[in-house]
Amino acid sequence: MIDNTGRNTYGKSVPVWEKYMLTVDEAVQYFGIGEKKIRTLIAENLGTDYCFTIQIGNKSLINRHKFEDFLNQTTSI
């Protein structure tokens, strides 16, 4: 893969804080919220105005920016 400066980035991982979409495991580490709670939040917010995930088969990917906005607007989880 080539980045926007023309350098080869093949085999280099992107830091979690720069990723657009996070796996549930990455979200657990990044936000410090338990896996069960994140999965519950995903299930409760599917199809709502606060939906912050996309489903790829059985896999949920979390839009980091939307989830941050969701957490900023929430007083309790």
PDB file of N, CA and C in Angstrom:
ATOM      1  N   MET A   1       0.848  -1.168   0.000  1.00  0.00           N
ATOM      2  CA  MET A   1       0.000   0.000   0.000  1.00  0.00           C
ATOM      3  C   MET A   1       0.899   1.238   0.000  1.00  0.00           C
ATOM      4  N   ILE A   2       0.458   2.280  -0.666  1.00  0.00           N
ATOM      5  CA  ILE A   2       1.215   3.522  -0.767  1.00  0.00           C
ATOM      6  C   ILE A   2       0.446   4.620  -0.039  1.00  0.00           C
ATOM      7  N   ASP A   3       1.117   5.387   0.830  1.00  0.00           N
ATOM      8  CA  ASP A   3       0.438   6.477   1.528  1.00  0.00           C
ATOM      9  C   ASP A   3       0.393   7.724   0.650  1.00  0.00           C
ATOM     10  N   ASN A   4      -0.155   8.817   1.188  1.00  0.00           N
ATOM     11  CA  ASN A   4      -0.336  10.028   0.385  1.00  0.00           C
ATOM     12  C   ASN A   4       0.972  10.751   0.075  1.00  0.00           C
ATOM     13  N   THR A   5       2.076  10.340   0.673  1.00  0.00           N
ATOM     14  CA  THR A   5       3.377  10.935   0.351  1.00  0.00           C
ATOM     15  C   THR A   5       4.162  10.056  -0.614  1.00  0.00           C
ATOM     16  N   GLY A   6       3.573   8.931  -1.025  1.00  0.00           N
ATOM     17  CA  GLY A   6       4.224   8.042  -1.972  1.00  0.00           C
ATOM     18  C   GLY A   6       5.102   6.987  -1.333  1.00  0.00           C
ATOM     19  N   ARG A   7       5.094   6.901   0.000  1.00  0.00           N
ATOM     20  CA  ARG A   7       5.910   5.894   0.686  1.00  0.00           C
ATOM     21  C   ARG A   7       5.150   4.581   0.801  1.00  0.00           C
ATOM     22  N   ASN A   8       5.885   3.487   0.765  1.00  0.00           N
ATOM     23  CA  ASN A   8       5.310   2.157   0.910  1.00  0.00           C
ATOM     24  C   ASN A   8       4.986   1.929   2.379  1.00  0.00           C
ATOM     25  N   THR A   9       3.723   1.606   2.670  1.00  0.00           N
ATOM     26  CA  THR A   9       3.303   1.365   4.052  1.00  0.00           C
ATOM     27  C   THR A   9       2.883  -0.081   4.273  1.00  0.00           C
ATOM     28  N   TYR A  10       3.205  -0.965   3.339  1.00  0.00           N
ATOM     29  CA  TYR A  10       2.795  -2.363   3.453  1.00  0.00           C
ATOM     30  C   TYR A  10       3.383  -2.982   4.716  1.00  0.00           C
ATOM     31  N   GLY A  11       2.541  -3.640   5.506  1.00  0.00           N
ATOM     32  CA  GLY A  11       2.989  -4.333   6.702  1.00  0.00           C
ATOM     33  C   GLY A  11       3.109  -3.441   7.928  1.00  0.00           C
ATOM     34  N   LYS A  12       2.827  -2.157   7.795  1.00  0.00           N
ATOM     35  CA  LYS A  12       2.893  -1.245   8.939  1.00  0.00           C
ATOM     36  C   LYS A  12       1.486  -1.066   9.489  1.00  0.00           C
ATOM     37  N   SER A  13       1.360  -1.157  10.803  1.00  0.00           N
ATOM     38  CA  SER A  13       0.035  -1.028  11.397  1.00  0.00           C
ATOM     39  C   SER A  13      -0.275   0.437  11.706  1.00  0.00           C
ATOM     40  N   VAL A  14      -1.548   0.755  11.664  1.00  0.00           N
ATOM     41  CA  VAL A  14      -2.020   2.102  11.959  1.00  0.00           C
ATOM     42  C   VAL A  14      -2.342   2.163  13.448  1.00  0.00           C
ATOM     43  N   PRO A  15      -1.876   3.190  14.166  1.00  0.00           N
ATOM     44  CA  PRO A  15      -2.215   3.308  15.587  1.00  0.00           C
ATOM     45  C   PRO A  15      -3.731   3.429  15.769  1.00  0.00           C
ATOM     46  N   VAL A  16      -4.238   2.893  16.857  1.00  0.00           N
ATOM     47  CA  VAL A  16      -5.677   2.876  17.115  1.00  0.00           C
ATOM     48  C   VAL A  16      -6.253   4.290  17.096  1.00  0.00           C
ATOM     49  N   TRP A  17      -5.551   5.263  17.641  1.00  0.00           N
ATOM     50  CA  TRP A  17      -6.076   6.627  17.718  1.00  0.00           C
ATOM     51  C   TRP A  17      -6.148   7.315  16.355  1.00  0.00           C
ATOM     52  N   GLU A  18      -5.589   6.691  15.308  1.00  0.00           N
ATOM     53  CA  GLU A  18      -5.683   7.246  13.960  1.00  0.00           C
ATOM     54  C   GLU A  18      -6.676   6.483  13.082  1.00  0.00           C
ATOM     55  N   LYS A  19      -7.186   5.369  13.577  1.00  0.00           N
ATOM     56  CA  LYS A  19      -8.107   4.555  12.784  1.00  0.00           C
ATOM     57  C   LYS A  19      -9.486   5.203  12.728  1.00  0.00           C
ATOM     58  N   TYR A  20     -10.126   5.044  11.584  1.00  0.00           N
ATOM     59  CA  TYR A  20     -11.484   5.551  11.394  1.00  0.00           C
ATOM     60  C   TYR A  20     -12.496   4.576  11.989  1.00  0.00           C
ATOM     61  N   MET A  21     -12.302   3.276  11.754  1.00  0.00           N
ATOM     62  CA  MET A  21     -13.182   2.232  12.266  1.00  0.00           C
ATOM     63  C   MET A  21     -12.390   1.336  13.214  1.00  0.00           C
ATOM     64  N   LEU A  22     -13.027   0.943  14.317  1.00  0.00           N
ATOM     65  CA  LEU A  22     -12.386   0.087  15.312  1.00  0.00           C
ATOM     66  C   LEU A  22     -13.156  -1.220  15.450  1.00  0.00           C
ATOM     67  N   THR A  23     -12.424  -2.299  15.707  1.00  0.00           N
ATOM     68  CA  THR A  23     -13.081  -3.544  16.093  1.00  0.00           C
ATOM     69  C   THR A  23     -13.542  -3.383  17.536  1.00  0.00           C
ATOM     70  N   VAL A  24     -14.362  -4.300  18.005  1.00  0.00           N
ATOM     71  CA  VAL A  24     -14.823  -4.238  19.391  1.00  0.00           C
ATOM     72  C   VAL A  24     -13.627  -4.329  20.339  1.00  0.00           C
ATOM     73  N   ASP A  25     -12.684  -5.219  20.057  1.00  0.00           N
ATOM     74  CA  ASP A  25     -11.505  -5.359  20.919  1.00  0.00           C
ATOM     75  C   ASP A  25     -10.685  -4.075  20.967  1.00  0.00           C
ATOM     76  N   GLU A  26     -10.522  -3.413  19.826  1.00  0.00           N
ATOM     77  CA  GLU A  26      -9.781  -2.148  19.798  1.00  0.00           C
ATOM     78  C   GLU A  26     -10.529  -1.066  20.573  1.00  0.00           C
ATOM     79  N   ALA A  27     -11.860  -1.045  20.453  1.00  0.00           N
ATOM     80  CA  ALA A  27     -12.667  -0.062  21.185  1.00  0.00           C
ATOM     81  C   ALA A  27     -12.569  -0.289  22.689  1.00  0.00           C
ATOM     82  N   VAL A  28     -12.541  -1.546  23.108  1.00  0.00           N
ATOM     83  CA  VAL A  28     -12.383  -1.870  24.533  1.00  0.00           C
ATOM     84  C   VAL A  28     -11.091  -1.264  25.062  1.00  0.00           C
ATOM     85  N   GLN A  29     -10.011  -1.451  24.334  1.00  0.00           N
ATOM     86  CA  GLN A  29      -8.712  -0.922  24.760  1.00  0.00           C
ATOM     87  C   GLN A  29      -8.671   0.600  24.689  1.00  0.00           C
ATOM     88  N   TYR A  30      -9.210   1.163  23.625  1.00  0.00           N
ATOM     89  CA  TYR A  30      -9.119   2.610  23.400  1.00  0.00           C
ATOM     90  C   TYR A  30      -9.986   3.398  24.380  1.00  0.00           C
ATOM     91  N   PHE A  31     -11.233   2.950  24.601  1.00  0.00           N
ATOM     92  CA  PHE A  31     -12.166   3.705  25.428  1.00  0.00           C
ATOM     93  C   PHE A  31     -12.196   3.254  26.884  1.00  0.00           C
ATOM     94  N   GLY A  32     -11.642   2.088  27.186  1.00  0.00           N
ATOM     95  CA  GLY A  32     -11.643   1.602  28.561  1.00  0.00           C
ATOM     96  C   GLY A  32     -13.021   1.163  29.036  1.00  0.00           C
ATOM     97  N   ILE A  33     -13.838   0.711  28.108  1.00  0.00           N
ATOM     98  CA  ILE A  33     -15.178   0.212  28.423  1.00  0.00           C
ATOM     99  C   ILE A  33     -15.169  -1.291  28.153  1.00  0.00           C
ATOM    100  N   GLY A  34     -15.861  -2.050  28.985  1.00  0.00           N
ATOM    101  CA  GLY A  34     -15.868  -3.500  28.840  1.00  0.00           C
ATOM    102  C   GLY A  34     -16.507  -3.979  27.545  1.00  0.00           C
ATOM    103  N   GLU A  35     -16.098  -5.163  27.116  1.00  0.00           N
ATOM    104  CA  GLU A  35     -16.601  -5.734  25.865  1.00  0.00           C
ATOM    105  C   GLU A  35     -18.108  -5.954  25.909  1.00  0.00           C
ATOM    106  N   LYS A  36     -18.620  -6.486  27.020  1.00  0.00           N
ATOM    107  CA  LYS A  36     -20.062  -6.725  27.124  1.00  0.00           C
ATOM    108  C   LYS A  36     -20.842  -5.425  27.013  1.00  0.00           C
ATOM    109  N   LYS A  37     -20.338  -4.369  27.642  1.00  0.00           N
ATOM    110  CA  LYS A  37     -21.022  -3.082  27.610  1.00  0.00           C
ATOM    111  C   LYS A  37     -21.011  -2.499  26.200  1.00  0.00           C
ATOM    112  N   ILE A  38     -19.881  -2.595  25.510  1.00  0.00           N
ATOM    113  CA  ILE A  38     -19.816  -2.082  24.139  1.00  0.00           C
ATOM    114  C   ILE A  38     -20.768  -2.863  23.244  1.00  0.00           C
ATOM    115  N   ARG A  39     -20.798  -4.177  23.387  1.00  0.00           N
ATOM    116  CA  ARG A  39     -21.714  -4.986  22.568  1.00  0.00           C
ATOM    117  C   ARG A  39     -23.177  -4.655  22.888  1.00  0.00           C
ATOM    118  N   THR A  40     -23.478  -4.372  24.154  1.00  0.00           N
ATOM    119  CA  THR A  40     -24.829  -3.960  24.540  1.00  0.00           C
ATOM    120  C   THR A  40     -25.181  -2.618  23.908  1.00  0.00           C
ATOM    121  N   LEU A  41     -24.251  -1.664  23.952  1.00  0.00           N
ATOM    122  CA  LEU A  41     -24.485  -0.349  23.345  1.00  0.00           C
ATOM    123  C   LEU A  41     -24.706  -0.470  21.839  1.00  0.00           C
ATOM    124  N   ILE A  42     -23.950  -1.350  21.197  1.00  0.00           N
ATOM    125  CA  ILE A  42     -24.128  -1.576  19.755  1.00  0.00           C
ATOM    126  C   ILE A  42     -25.540  -2.090  19.490  1.00  0.00           C
ATOM    127  N   ALA A  43     -25.965  -3.102  20.246  1.00  0.00           N
ATOM    128  CA  ALA A  43     -27.290  -3.700  20.042  1.00  0.00           C
ATOM    129  C   ALA A  43     -28.410  -2.695  20.315  1.00  0.00           C
ATOM    130  N   GLU A  44     -28.253  -1.875  21.354  1.00  0.00           N
ATOM    131  CA  GLU A  44     -29.286  -0.906  21.722  1.00  0.00           C
ATOM    132  C   GLU A  44     -29.409   0.233  20.719  1.00  0.00           C
ATOM    133  N   ASN A  45     -28.346   0.533  19.994  1.00  0.00           N
ATOM    134  CA  ASN A  45     -28.345   1.706  19.121  1.00  0.00           C
ATOM    135  C   ASN A  45     -28.382   1.380  17.636  1.00  0.00           C
ATOM    136  N   LEU A  46     -28.533   0.110  17.271  1.00  0.00           N
ATOM    137  CA  LEU A  46     -28.663  -0.246  15.856  1.00  0.00           C
ATOM    138  C   LEU A  46     -29.933   0.382  15.291  1.00  0.00           C
ATOM    139  N   GLY A  47     -29.809   1.054  14.167  1.00  0.00           N
ATOM    140  CA  GLY A  47     -30.968   1.635  13.512  1.00  0.00           C
ATOM    141  C   GLY A  47     -31.493   2.915  14.132  1.00  0.00           C
ATOM    142  N   THR A  48     -30.798   3.473  15.116  1.00  0.00           N
ATOM    143  CA  THR A  48     -31.222   4.734  15.727  1.00  0.00           C
ATOM    144  C   THR A  48     -30.393   5.880  15.160  1.00  0.00           C
ATOM    145  N   ASP A  49     -30.703   7.088  15.597  1.00  0.00           N
ATOM    146  CA  ASP A  49     -29.923   8.260  15.183  1.00  0.00           C
ATOM    147  C   ASP A  49     -28.495   8.194  15.710  1.00  0.00           C
ATOM    148  N   TYR A  50     -28.279   7.417  16.767  1.00  0.00           N
ATOM    149  CA  TYR A  50     -26.954   7.310  17.374  1.00  0.00           C
ATOM    150  C   TYR A  50     -26.171   6.100  16.876  1.00  0.00           C
ATOM    151  N   CYS A  51     -26.616   5.458  15.811  1.00  0.00           N
ATOM    152  CA  CYS A  51     -25.937   4.267  15.304  1.00  0.00           C
ATOM    153  C   CYS A  51     -24.500   4.617  14.907  1.00  0.00           C
ATOM    154  N   PHE A  52     -23.543   3.963  15.516  1.00  0.00           N
ATOM    155  CA  PHE A  52     -22.125   4.260  15.299  1.00  0.00           C
ATOM    156  C   PHE A  52     -21.367   3.059  14.766  1.00  0.00           C
ATOM    157  N   THR A  53     -22.089   2.058  14.258  1.00  0.00           N
ATOM    158  CA  THR A  53     -21.429   0.841  13.776  1.00  0.00           C
ATOM    159  C   THR A  53     -21.879   0.485  12.369  1.00  0.00           C
ATOM    160  N   ILE A  54     -21.055  -0.348  11.728  1.00  0.00           N
ATOM    161  CA  ILE A  54     -21.465  -1.040  10.519  1.00  0.00           C
ATOM    162  C   ILE A  54     -21.249  -2.522  10.787  1.00  0.00           C
ATOM    163  N   GLN A  55     -22.071  -3.339  10.174  1.00  0.00           N
ATOM    164  CA  GLN A  55     -21.968  -4.785  10.336  1.00  0.00           C
ATOM    165  C   GLN A  55     -21.382  -5.373   9.062  1.00  0.00           C
ATOM    166  N   ILE A  56     -20.372  -6.205   9.209  1.00  0.00           N
ATOM    167  CA  ILE A  56     -19.808  -6.966   8.102  1.00  0.00           C
ATOM    168  C   ILE A  56     -19.941  -8.428   8.504  1.00  0.00           C
ATOM    169  N   GLY A  57     -21.009  -9.063   8.035  1.00  0.00           N
ATOM    170  CA  GLY A  57     -21.319 -10.412   8.498  1.00  0.00           C
ATOM    171  C   GLY A  57     -21.678 -10.352   9.974  1.00  0.00           C
ATOM    172  N   ASN A  58     -20.963 -11.111  10.795  1.00  0.00           N
ATOM    173  CA  ASN A  58     -21.172 -11.083  12.242  1.00  0.00           C
ATOM    174  C   ASN A  58     -20.280 -10.070  12.941  1.00  0.00           C
ATOM    175  N   LYS A  59     -19.404  -9.435  12.194  1.00  0.00           N
ATOM    176  CA  LYS A  59     -18.415  -8.516  12.765  1.00  0.00           C
ATOM    177  C   LYS A  59     -18.965  -7.093  12.813  1.00  0.00           C
ATOM    178  N   SER A  60     -18.819  -6.443  13.967  1.00  0.00           N
ATOM    179  CA  SER A  60     -19.215  -5.045  14.124  1.00  0.00           C
ATOM    180  C   SER A  60     -17.977  -4.174  14.085  1.00  0.00           C
ATOM    181  N   LEU A  61     -18.021  -3.135  13.266  1.00  0.00           N
ATOM    182  CA  LEU A  61     -16.955  -2.141  13.258  1.00  0.00           C
ATOM    183  C   LEU A  61     -17.533  -0.832  13.766  1.00  0.00           C
ATOM    184  N   ILE A  62     -16.810  -0.192  14.669  1.00  0.00           N
ATOM    185  CA  ILE A  62     -17.282   1.014  15.338  1.00  0.00           C
ATOM    186  C   ILE A  62     -16.618   2.230  14.716  1.00  0.00           C
ATOM    187  N   ASN A  63     -17.440   3.188  14.286  1.00  0.00           N
ATOM    188  CA  ASN A  63     -16.925   4.455  13.792  1.00  0.00           C
ATOM    189  C   ASN A  63     -16.424   5.229  15.014  1.00  0.00           C
ATOM    190  N   ARG A  64     -15.119   5.402  15.102  1.00  0.00           N
ATOM    191  CA  ARG A  64     -14.510   5.999  16.294  1.00  0.00           C
ATOM    192  C   ARG A  64     -15.059   7.394  16.580  1.00  0.00           C
ATOM    193  N   HIS A  65     -15.169   8.229  15.567  1.00  0.00           N
ATOM    194  CA  HIS A  65     -15.635   9.602  15.772  1.00  0.00           C
ATOM    195  C   HIS A  65     -17.096   9.643  16.225  1.00  0.00           C
ATOM    196  N   LYS A  66     -17.942   8.821  15.608  1.00  0.00           N
ATOM    197  CA  LYS A  66     -19.352   8.783  16.005  1.00  0.00           C
ATOM    198  C   LYS A  66     -19.506   8.246  17.425  1.00  0.00           C
ATOM    199  N   PHE A  67     -18.696   7.240  17.781  1.00  0.00           N
ATOM    200  CA  PHE A  67     -18.780   6.688  19.131  1.00  0.00           C
ATOM    201  C   PHE A  67     -18.290   7.711  20.152  1.00  0.00           C
ATOM    202  N   GLU A  68     -17.248   8.468  19.820  1.00  0.00           N
ATOM    203  CA  GLU A  68     -16.788   9.542  20.708  1.00  0.00           C
ATOM    204  C   GLU A  68     -17.896  10.569  20.907  1.00  0.00           C
ATOM    205  N   ASP A  69     -18.579  10.958  19.825  1.00  0.00           N
ATOM    206  CA  ASP A  69     -19.698  11.903  19.933  1.00  0.00           C
ATOM    207  C   ASP A  69     -20.812  11.329  20.794  1.00  0.00           C
ATOM    208  N   PHE A  70     -21.121  10.044  20.591  1.00  0.00           N
ATOM    209  CA  PHE A  70     -22.143   9.376  21.393  1.00  0.00           C
ATOM    210  C   PHE A  70     -21.779   9.432  22.877  1.00  0.00           C
ATOM    211  N   LEU A  71     -20.532   9.114  23.205  1.00  0.00           N
ATOM    212  CA  LEU A  71     -20.102   9.134  24.603  1.00  0.00           C
ATOM    213  C   LEU A  71     -20.127  10.545  25.180  1.00  0.00           C
ATOM    214  N   ASN A  72     -19.791  11.543  24.370  1.00  0.00           N
ATOM    215  CA  ASN A  72     -19.814  12.930  24.841  1.00  0.00           C
ATOM    216  C   ASN A  72     -21.229  13.401  25.161  1.00  0.00           C
ATOM    217  N   GLN A  73     -22.234  12.856  24.485  1.00  0.00           N
ATOM    218  CA  GLN A  73     -23.623  13.250  24.709  1.00  0.00           C
ATOM    219  C   GLN A  73     -24.305  12.413  25.781  1.00  0.00           C
ATOM    220  N   THR A  74     -23.665  11.351  26.214  1.00  0.00           N
ATOM    221  CA  THR A  74     -24.254  10.427  27.176  1.00  0.00           C
ATOM    222  C   THR A  74     -23.763  10.750  28.581  1.00  0.00           C
ATOM    223  N   THR A  75     -24.686  10.754  29.536  1.00  0.00           N
ATOM    224  CA  THR A  75     -24.293  11.018  30.918  1.00  0.00           C
ATOM    225  C   THR A  75     -24.065   9.735  31.705  1.00  0.00           C
ATOM    226  N   SER A  76     -24.595   8.625  31.195  1.00  0.00           N
ATOM    227  CA  SER A  76     -24.464   7.349  31.898  1.00  0.00           C
ATOM    228  C   SER A  76     -24.544   6.219  30.880  1.00  0.00           C
ATOM    229  N   ILE A  77     -23.690   5.191  31.065  1.00  0.00           N
ATOM    230  CA  ILE A  77     -23.772   4.037  30.166  1.00  0.00           C
ATOM    231  C   ILE A  77     -23.904   2.754  30.955  1.00  0.00           C
TER     232      ILE A  77
END
